[in-house]
């Protein structure tokens, strides 16, 4: 794996820490800014919405710019947002800083994912995404608890300064290690990138990603009160269990990245099914402290086990538009991360209790499984994307003699493959078939 991919992961560590650390900083922020905790909580919503909106908009706006230049600019803006937040004199200024940071974060994810995919062969796409997502997992294991520690002992502004420093380190890495990709070597034209949205497989990928992520975060967002109010654990257990979830996430990302390149749909179906079973178990055994702790770890494993495959799937079906593919995946994940907690909150407000969020999450992941099955059926294991089948295995080296069925066992005609977003011969940036 190129060193530059690991540099992107370091950047994602800073981005992810900023995105999730506010959950442990809301009380001191509310006290300092003179607002209620629910109003302070809008800072989290602002970041999530900024991610959903910012990813496709910034991907389109920076399409004609060199990728390295774009990454440097976005990371610099992100660092500026952290500095602005650390110095914010009012709630309104802090709110603007979160939106600014979210837009830069969304753009970096979209462009960074496209750069990571471009630096590896088609057989290593999921592994490249696993490395990037690993930065996010480590942010949950180390960055978020560190932010909470700084907030408790040095004030919430110290956490913003620390993330700003981390983004500065990442910026140096991007400047020195990311290769330069001139505009002339890239696809030109927003219209050609937008053509991917004519492919229903792209929309299926969006829905599967949003539902799979949303189902997990429907329950995970309310894990703290479930641990204390339902399972009966002391407040001191909450950081430990959250860290266990993060360790599980890192474990799942590592395993999923290694397996998904060869068995993409296998990872999707097995991982989302496992999340569904674990969410149901969490609802059934919510009063058992031992069960809840163990299930939290396993849920982290299953949720992030599928993440590399979800990312790689979008790049496989939208290979003609890598930047917009990265943006679309980023938006889909954050749509789930926004919609899942909203559904969980609605269930709680309806009087069903904290454990019911796991049932609601299981319903979302069940829908994701159904759509993944539809996507696999439509793919038919014969639609060629960079010479690979639905599971990501090479189809070029295993012809079927005397058994081909038109439209079933044969690759699609070139015109249909191109229209659906697959690679076109001679186009710069297309990964070579294995």
Protein backbone atom coordinates (compact mmCIF):
# COMPACT_ATOMS: atom_id res chain seq x y z
CA UNK A 1 0.00 0.00 0.00
CA UNK A 2 1.49 3.41 -0.97
CA UNK A 3 2.66 5.60 1.91
CA UNK A 4 0.44 8.39 0.57
CA UNK A 5 -2.66 6.36 1.49
CA UNK A 6 -1.49 6.26 5.10
CA UNK A 7 -0.96 10.03 4.97
CA UNK A 8 -4.61 10.34 3.97
CA UNK A 9 -5.51 8.15 6.95
CA UNK A 10 -3.65 10.52 9.30
CA UNK A 11 -5.68 13.37 7.83
CA UNK A 12 -8.89 11.41 8.35
CA UNK A 13 -7.87 10.88 11.99
CA UNK A 14 -7.92 14.66 12.51
CA UNK A 15 -11.18 15.05 10.58
CA UNK A 16 -12.88 12.21 12.45
CA UNK A 17 -11.78 13.45 15.86
CA UNK A 18 -13.30 16.85 15.13
CA UNK A 19 -16.51 15.30 13.83
CA UNK A 20 -17.21 13.10 16.85
CA UNK A 21 -15.52 14.82 19.80
CA UNK A 22 -18.37 17.25 20.45
CA UNK A 23 -20.50 14.49 22.01
CA UNK A 24 -18.20 14.65 25.05
CA UNK A 25 -17.86 18.45 25.07
CA UNK A 26 -21.48 19.62 24.96
CA UNK A 27 -21.91 20.42 28.70
CA UNK A 28 -18.85 22.70 28.98
CA UNK A 29 -19.64 24.34 25.62
CA UNK A 30 -23.22 24.99 26.74
CA UNK A 31 -22.01 26.50 30.04
CA UNK A 32 -19.39 28.68 28.37
CA UNK A 33 -21.65 29.92 25.61
CA UNK A 34 -24.71 30.37 27.82
CA UNK A 35 -26.96 28.07 25.81
CA UNK A 36 -28.89 24.91 26.61
CA UNK A 37 -27.40 21.49 25.95
CA UNK A 38 -30.00 20.76 23.22
CA UNK A 39 -29.00 23.99 21.47
CA UNK A 40 -25.34 23.09 21.84
CA UNK A 41 -26.25 19.73 20.33
CA UNK A 42 -27.22 21.54 17.13
CA UNK A 43 -23.48 21.95 16.55
CA UNK A 44 -23.36 18.19 15.91
CA UNK A 45 -26.31 18.36 13.53
CA UNK A 46 -24.73 21.30 11.71
CA UNK A 47 -21.58 19.27 11.08
CA UNK A 48 -23.53 16.26 9.81
CA UNK A 49 -25.68 18.34 7.47
CA UNK A 50 -22.58 20.17 6.24
CA UNK A 51 -21.05 16.80 5.37
CA UNK A 52 -24.13 15.67 3.43
CA UNK A 53 -24.39 18.90 1.44
CA UNK A 54 -20.71 19.72 1.17
CA UNK A 55 -19.45 16.45 -0.31
CA UNK A 56 -21.17 16.63 -3.73
CA UNK A 57 -20.99 20.43 -3.96
CA UNK A 58 -17.25 20.64 -3.29
CA UNK A 59 -16.55 17.62 -5.47
CA UNK A 60 -18.24 19.42 -8.37
CA UNK A 61 -16.66 22.80 -7.59
CA UNK A 62 -13.12 21.41 -7.46
CA UNK A 63 -13.44 18.99 -10.36
CA UNK A 64 -11.05 20.88 -12.65
CA UNK A 65 -8.45 21.52 -9.95
CA UNK A 66 -5.41 19.27 -9.39
CA UNK A 67 -6.20 16.74 -6.67
CA UNK A 68 -3.20 17.58 -4.51
CA UNK A 69 -3.95 21.30 -4.64
CA UNK A 70 -7.54 20.58 -3.65
CA UNK A 71 -6.54 18.40 -0.71
CA UNK A 72 -4.09 21.01 0.57
CA UNK A 73 -6.69 23.78 0.31
CA UNK A 74 -9.41 21.75 2.02
CA UNK A 75 -7.16 20.67 4.87
CA UNK A 76 -6.03 24.29 5.35
CA UNK A 77 -9.66 25.44 5.51
CA UNK A 78 -10.41 22.66 7.98
CA UNK A 79 -7.56 23.82 10.21
CA UNK A 80 -8.86 27.38 9.94
CA UNK A 81 -12.26 26.14 11.10
CA UNK A 82 -10.69 24.52 14.17
CA UNK A 83 -8.83 27.73 15.03
CA UNK A 84 -12.00 29.74 14.53
CA UNK A 85 -13.84 27.38 16.88
CA UNK A 86 -11.14 27.56 19.54
CA UNK A 87 -11.30 31.38 19.50
CA UNK A 88 -15.09 31.67 19.06
CA UNK A 89 -16.46 34.42 21.34
CA UNK A 90 -20.11 33.51 20.75
CA UNK A 91 -22.25 30.49 19.97
CA UNK A 92 -23.02 31.86 16.52
CA UNK A 93 -19.34 32.07 15.59
CA UNK A 94 -18.78 28.55 16.89
CA UNK A 95 -21.74 27.35 14.79
CA UNK A 96 -20.25 28.91 11.65
CA UNK A 97 -16.88 27.31 12.43
CA UNK A 98 -18.52 23.88 12.60
CA UNK A 99 -20.24 24.35 9.25
CA UNK A 100 -16.97 25.54 7.69
CA UNK A 101 -15.10 22.55 9.12
CA UNK A 102 -17.80 20.16 7.92
CA UNK A 103 -17.68 21.47 4.36
CA UNK A 104 -13.90 21.09 4.25
CA UNK A 105 -14.12 17.65 5.85
CA UNK A 106 -16.70 16.47 3.31
CA UNK A 107 -14.66 17.72 0.39
CA UNK A 108 -11.49 16.11 1.72
CA UNK A 109 -13.22 12.75 2.16
CA UNK A 110 -14.58 12.87 -1.40
CA UNK A 111 -11.35 13.92 -3.11
CA UNK A 112 -9.11 11.93 -0.76
CA UNK A 113 -11.02 8.72 -1.45
CA UNK A 114 -10.70 9.26 -5.20
CA UNK A 115 -6.96 9.88 -4.81
CA UNK A 116 -6.52 6.74 -2.69
CA UNK A 117 -8.38 4.64 -5.26
CA UNK A 118 -6.29 6.13 -8.09
CA UNK A 119 -3.02 5.14 -6.39
CA UNK A 120 -3.82 1.42 -6.15
CA UNK A 121 -4.87 -1.30 -8.62
CA UNK A 122 -8.50 -2.37 -8.89
CA UNK A 123 -7.67 -5.43 -6.79
CA UNK A 124 -6.77 -3.25 -3.78
CA UNK A 125 -9.58 -0.69 -3.70
CA UNK A 126 -11.23 -2.03 -0.55
CA UNK A 127 -7.88 -2.26 1.23
CA UNK A 128 -7.08 1.34 0.34
CA UNK A 129 -10.44 2.44 1.70
CA UNK A 130 -9.86 0.32 4.81
CA UNK A 131 -6.65 2.24 5.50
CA UNK A 132 -8.47 5.57 5.21
CA UNK A 133 -11.40 4.39 7.31
CA UNK A 134 -8.87 3.05 9.80
CA UNK A 135 -7.97 6.68 10.51
CA UNK A 136 -11.60 7.26 11.46
CA UNK A 137 -11.64 4.16 13.66
CA UNK A 138 -8.50 5.29 15.50
CA UNK A 139 -10.12 8.69 15.95
CA UNK A 140 -12.95 6.96 17.81
CA UNK A 141 -10.53 4.88 19.90
CA UNK A 142 -7.98 7.58 20.74
CA UNK A 143 -8.95 10.98 19.38
CA UNK A 144 -12.44 11.32 20.84
CA UNK A 145 -11.46 10.15 24.38
CA UNK A 146 -8.42 12.45 24.22
CA UNK A 147 -10.68 15.34 23.26
CA UNK A 148 -12.95 14.58 26.21
CA UNK A 149 -9.91 14.42 28.52
CA UNK A 150 -8.62 17.78 27.30
CA UNK A 151 -12.09 19.27 27.62
CA UNK A 152 -12.39 18.11 31.21
CA UNK A 153 -8.94 19.23 32.37
CA UNK A 154 -8.00 22.16 30.11
CA UNK A 155 -11.34 23.34 28.76
CA UNK A 156 -13.21 22.52 25.57
CA UNK A 157 -11.20 25.04 23.53
CA UNK A 158 -8.05 22.98 24.15
CA UNK A 159 -9.64 20.09 22.24
CA UNK A 160 -10.15 22.37 19.22
CA UNK A 161 -6.54 23.56 19.41
CA UNK A 162 -5.34 19.94 19.55
CA UNK A 163 -7.30 18.99 16.43
CA UNK A 164 -5.97 22.09 14.70
CA UNK A 165 -2.43 20.95 15.52
CA UNK A 166 -3.18 17.45 14.21
CA UNK A 167 -4.52 18.89 10.96
CA UNK A 168 -1.31 20.94 10.59
CA UNK A 169 0.75 17.74 10.88
CA UNK A 170 -1.51 16.08 8.31
CA UNK A 171 -1.13 19.09 6.02
CA UNK A 172 2.64 18.68 6.02
CA UNK A 173 2.18 15.02 5.08
CA UNK A 174 -0.17 15.86 2.21
CA UNK A 175 2.20 18.52 0.85
CA UNK A 176 5.24 16.24 0.97
CA UNK A 177 3.82 12.78 0.21
CA UNK A 178 0.74 13.03 -2.00
CA UNK A 179 1.75 12.82 -5.69
CA UNK A 180 0.84 15.64 -8.04
CA UNK A 181 -1.99 14.84 -10.44
CA UNK A 182 -2.17 17.49 -13.20
CA UNK A 183 -5.54 18.53 -14.55
CA UNK A 184 -4.57 17.19 -17.98
CA UNK A 185 -4.40 13.66 -16.57
CA UNK A 186 -7.91 13.76 -15.17
CA UNK A 187 -11.36 13.44 -16.63
CA UNK A 188 -12.84 16.76 -17.61
CA UNK A 189 -16.37 17.95 -17.42
CA UNK A 190 -19.02 17.85 -14.73
CA UNK A 191 -21.55 16.48 -17.20
CA UNK A 192 -19.59 13.25 -17.70
CA UNK A 193 -19.32 12.74 -13.94
CA UNK A 194 -23.03 13.41 -13.37
CA UNK A 195 -23.81 10.64 -15.87
CA UNK A 196 -23.22 8.09 -13.09
CA UNK A 197 -26.59 9.06 -11.60
CA UNK A 198 -28.32 7.42 -14.57
CA UNK A 199 -27.20 4.07 -13.19
CA UNK A 200 -29.67 2.55 -10.71
CA UNK A 201 -26.82 0.60 -9.14
CA UNK A 202 -25.39 3.92 -7.92
CA UNK A 203 -28.66 4.77 -6.20
CA UNK A 204 -28.88 1.28 -4.75
CA UNK A 205 -25.39 1.74 -3.36
CA UNK A 206 -26.43 5.06 -1.79
CA UNK A 207 -29.49 3.51 -0.17
CA UNK A 208 -27.60 0.44 1.10
CA UNK A 209 -24.88 2.62 2.61
CA UNK A 210 -27.29 5.04 4.27
CA UNK A 211 -29.47 2.28 5.72
CA UNK A 212 -26.54 0.15 6.92
CA UNK A 213 -24.83 3.10 8.62
CA UNK A 214 -28.09 4.58 9.88
CA UNK A 215 -29.20 1.32 11.45
CA UNK A 216 -26.07 1.04 13.56
CA UNK A 217 -26.02 4.70 14.60
CA UNK A 218 -29.73 4.61 15.39
CA UNK A 219 -28.76 2.54 18.43
CA UNK A 220 -25.15 3.66 18.96
CA UNK A 221 -26.14 7.32 19.36
CA UNK A 222 -28.12 6.38 22.47
CA UNK A 223 -25.71 3.79 23.82
CA UNK A 224 -24.72 5.90 26.85
CA UNK A 225 -28.23 6.16 28.35
CA UNK A 226 -28.88 2.52 27.44
CA UNK A 227 -25.79 1.51 29.42
CA UNK A 228 -26.69 3.56 32.49
CA UNK A 229 -30.50 3.64 32.53
CA UNK A 230 -31.30 0.20 31.12
CA UNK A 231 -28.28 -2.03 31.75
CA UNK A 232 -27.62 -0.38 35.12
CA UNK A 233 -23.91 0.33 34.61
CA UNK A 234 -22.18 3.23 36.34
CA UNK A 235 -21.39 6.37 34.36
CA UNK A 236 -17.70 5.49 34.44
CA UNK A 237 -18.35 2.53 32.18
CA UNK A 238 -19.53 4.68 29.28
CA UNK A 239 -16.07 5.77 28.00
CA UNK A 240 -14.81 2.20 28.33
CA UNK A 241 -17.66 0.75 26.28
CA UNK A 242 -17.33 3.50 23.67
CA UNK A 243 -13.62 2.67 23.42
CA UNK A 244 -14.51 -1.01 23.01
CA UNK A 245 -16.81 -0.07 20.13
CA UNK A 246 -13.90 1.83 18.60
CA UNK A 247 -11.56 -1.15 18.99
CA UNK A 248 -14.20 -3.30 17.33
CA UNK A 249 -14.49 -0.75 14.53
CA UNK A 250 -10.74 -0.84 13.91
CA UNK A 251 -10.79 -4.65 13.95
CA UNK A 252 -13.72 -4.81 11.54
CA UNK A 253 -12.16 -2.29 9.16
CA UNK A 254 -8.92 -4.27 9.04
CA UNK A 255 -10.62 -7.60 8.36
CA UNK A 256 -13.19 -6.20 5.95
CA UNK A 257 -10.57 -4.40 3.91
CA UNK A 258 -8.61 -7.60 3.40
CA UNK A 259 -11.63 -9.71 2.44
CA UNK A 260 -13.76 -7.28 0.43
CA UNK A 261 -11.45 -7.05 -2.59
CA UNK A 262 -12.10 -10.74 -3.32
CA UNK A 263 -15.64 -11.14 -1.93
CA UNK A 264 -17.31 -7.73 -2.05
CA UNK A 265 -20.95 -8.81 -1.97
CA UNK A 266 -20.11 -11.58 0.47
CA UNK A 267 -18.77 -8.98 2.89
CA UNK A 268 -21.78 -6.71 2.37
CA UNK A 269 -24.40 -9.38 2.96
CA UNK A 270 -22.64 -11.14 5.84
CA UNK A 271 -21.63 -7.91 7.59
CA UNK A 272 -25.02 -6.21 7.41
CA UNK A 273 -26.74 -9.44 8.43
CA UNK A 274 -24.43 -9.70 11.44
CA UNK A 275 -25.27 -6.11 12.40
CA UNK A 276 -28.98 -6.93 12.17
CA UNK A 277 -28.62 -9.95 14.46
CA UNK A 278 -26.48 -8.01 16.93
CA UNK A 279 -28.93 -5.10 17.05
CA UNK A 280 -31.79 -7.50 17.74
CA UNK A 281 -29.73 -9.15 20.48
CA UNK A 282 -28.94 -5.73 21.97
CA UNK A 283 -32.66 -4.99 22.19
CA UNK A 284 -33.45 -8.39 23.71
CA UNK A 285 -30.64 -8.38 26.29
CA UNK A 286 -30.47 -4.65 27.03
CA UNK A 287 -30.86 -5.24 30.77
CA UNK A 288 -27.77 -7.48 30.95
CA UNK A 289 -24.59 -5.44 31.54
CA UNK A 290 -22.30 -8.22 30.31
CA UNK A 291 -24.34 -8.73 27.15
CA UNK A 292 -24.50 -5.03 26.32
CA UNK A 293 -20.75 -4.56 26.74
CA UNK A 294 -19.93 -7.58 24.57
CA UNK A 295 -22.51 -6.70 21.93
CA UNK A 296 -21.18 -3.13 21.70
CA UNK A 297 -17.76 -4.45 20.74
CA UNK A 298 -19.19 -6.91 18.21
CA UNK A 299 -21.43 -4.23 16.72
CA UNK A 300 -18.35 -2.09 16.12
CA UNK A 301 -16.74 -5.02 14.32
CA UNK A 302 -19.73 -5.78 12.08
CA UNK A 303 -20.52 -2.15 11.26
CA UNK A 304 -17.01 -1.26 10.13
CA UNK A 305 -16.38 -4.67 8.56
CA UNK A 306 -18.73 -3.58 5.77
CA UNK A 307 -17.40 -0.01 5.43
CA UNK A 308 -14.55 -0.76 2.98
CA UNK A 309 -16.91 -2.83 0.82
CA UNK A 310 -19.55 -0.09 0.80
CA UNK A 311 -16.95 2.42 -0.37
CA UNK A 312 -15.41 0.07 -2.94
CA UNK A 313 -18.82 -0.84 -4.35
CA UNK A 314 -19.56 2.78 -5.21
CA UNK A 315 -16.19 3.18 -6.93
CA UNK A 316 -16.81 -0.04 -8.88
CA UNK A 317 -20.17 1.08 -10.26
CA UNK A 318 -19.13 4.71 -10.76
CA UNK A 319 -15.54 4.21 -11.89
CA UNK A 320 -15.95 6.80 -14.66
CA UNK A 321 -16.46 9.51 -12.02
CA UNK A 322 -14.15 8.78 -9.07
CA UNK A 323 -14.41 12.19 -7.41
CA UNK A 324 -18.19 12.27 -7.51
CA UNK A 325 -18.26 8.63 -6.40
CA UNK A 326 -16.27 9.56 -3.30
CA UNK A 327 -18.56 12.51 -2.66
CA UNK A 328 -21.68 10.41 -3.07
CA UNK A 329 -20.44 7.76 -0.66
CA UNK A 330 -19.51 10.42 1.90
CA UNK A 331 -22.96 11.95 1.62
CA UNK A 332 -24.61 8.52 1.91
CA UNK A 333 -22.74 7.63 5.10
CA UNK A 334 -23.58 10.97 6.68
CA UNK A 335 -27.18 10.73 5.56
CA UNK A 336 -27.34 7.50 7.55
CA UNK A 337 -25.46 9.02 10.47
CA UNK A 338 -28.04 11.82 10.54
CA UNK A 339 -31.19 9.84 9.78
CA UNK A 340 -30.42 6.94 12.14
CA UNK A 341 -30.14 9.07 15.30
CA UNK A 342 -33.23 11.02 14.23
CA UNK A 343 -35.23 7.80 13.97
CA UNK A 344 -33.87 6.62 17.31
CA UNK A 345 -34.88 9.90 18.93
CA UNK A 346 -38.36 9.65 17.43
CA UNK A 347 -38.76 6.14 18.85
CA UNK A 348 -37.65 7.32 22.29
CA UNK A 349 -39.97 10.34 22.18
CA UNK A 350 -42.81 7.97 21.33
CA UNK A 351 -42.25 6.29 24.69
CA UNK A 352 -40.72 2.99 23.57
CA UNK A 353 -37.51 3.40 25.56
CA UNK A 354 -33.80 3.35 24.79
CA UNK A 355 -33.66 -0.37 23.96
CA UNK A 356 -36.19 0.18 21.17
CA UNK A 357 -33.58 2.12 19.20
CA UNK A 358 -31.86 -1.20 18.52
CA UNK A 359 -35.08 -2.63 17.06
CA UNK A 360 -35.46 0.44 14.85
CA UNK A 361 -31.84 0.08 13.77
CA UNK A 362 -32.39 -3.59 12.96
CA UNK A 363 -35.32 -2.61 10.73
CA UNK A 364 -33.04 -0.24 8.80
CA UNK A 365 -30.30 -2.83 8.33
CA UNK A 366 -32.88 -5.41 7.25
CA UNK A 367 -33.93 -3.03 4.48
CA UNK A 368 -30.25 -2.65 3.56
CA UNK A 369 -29.91 -6.44 3.23
CA UNK A 370 -32.92 -6.57 0.91
CA UNK A 371 -31.49 -3.83 -1.30
CA UNK A 372 -28.07 -5.50 -1.37
CA UNK A 373 -29.75 -8.68 -2.60
CA UNK A 374 -31.53 -6.68 -5.31
CA UNK A 375 -28.23 -5.07 -6.33
CA UNK A 376 -26.53 -8.46 -6.56
CA UNK A 377 -29.39 -9.86 -8.63
CA UNK A 378 -29.26 -6.92 -11.04
CA UNK A 379 -25.53 -7.26 -11.34
CA UNK A 380 -26.01 -10.92 -12.24
CA UNK A 381 -22.34 -11.62 -11.48
CA UNK A 382 -21.56 -10.77 -15.10
CA UNK A 383 -21.50 -7.02 -15.34
CA UNK A 384 -17.81 -6.23 -15.84
CA UNK A 385 -16.29 -3.28 -13.99
CA UNK A 386 -12.53 -3.13 -14.57
CA UNK A 387 -12.70 -6.79 -15.53
CA UNK A 388 -14.17 -7.90 -12.20
CA UNK A 389 -17.44 -9.55 -11.19
CA UNK A 390 -19.88 -8.66 -8.40
CA UNK A 391 -17.56 -9.97 -5.71
CA UNK A 392 -14.58 -8.18 -7.19
CA UNK A 393 -12.93 -11.30 -8.67
CA UNK A 394 -11.36 -11.26 -12.12
CA UNK A 395 -13.61 -12.65 -14.85
CA UNK A 396 -11.09 -12.28 -17.64
CA UNK A 397 -9.13 -15.40 -16.75
CA UNK A 398 -12.03 -17.82 -16.41
CA UNK A 399 -14.08 -17.99 -19.65
CA UNK A 400 -17.02 -20.31 -19.86
CA UNK A 401 -16.85 -22.64 -22.83
CA UNK A 402 -20.11 -23.56 -24.48
CA UNK A 403 -22.25 -22.35 -21.59
CA UNK A 404 -22.62 -18.65 -22.26
CA UNK A 405 -26.11 -17.24 -22.22
CA UNK A 406 -26.59 -13.88 -23.96
CA UNK A 407 -27.11 -11.15 -21.41
CA UNK A 408 -26.44 -13.55 -18.51
CA UNK A 409 -23.02 -15.18 -18.87
CA UNK A 410 -21.51 -12.69 -21.32
CA UNK A 411 -20.15 -9.25 -20.47
CA UNK A 412 -22.35 -6.34 -21.40
CA UNK A 413 -21.60 -4.58 -24.70
CA UNK A 414 -19.12 -1.76 -24.36
CA UNK A 415 -21.74 0.90 -24.93
CA UNK A 416 -23.87 -0.38 -22.06
CA UNK A 417 -20.91 -0.73 -19.76
CA UNK A 418 -19.81 2.83 -20.49
CA UNK A 419 -23.30 4.19 -19.98
CA UNK A 420 -23.52 2.50 -16.60
CA UNK A 421 -20.34 4.14 -15.35
CA UNK A 422 -17.68 1.50 -15.99
CA UNK A 423 -14.20 2.30 -17.25
CA UNK A 424 -13.64 3.22 -20.88
CA UNK A 425 -10.42 2.14 -22.59
CA UNK A 426 -7.92 4.93 -22.95
CA UNK A 427 -9.46 7.16 -20.29
CA UNK A 428 -6.91 8.44 -17.78
CA UNK A 429 -7.34 7.25 -14.23
CA UNK A 430 -9.07 3.96 -15.00
CA UNK A 431 -7.51 1.14 -13.02
CA UNK A 432 -6.04 -1.58 -15.16
CA UNK A 433 -7.79 -4.92 -15.19
CA UNK A 434 -5.90 -7.61 -13.29
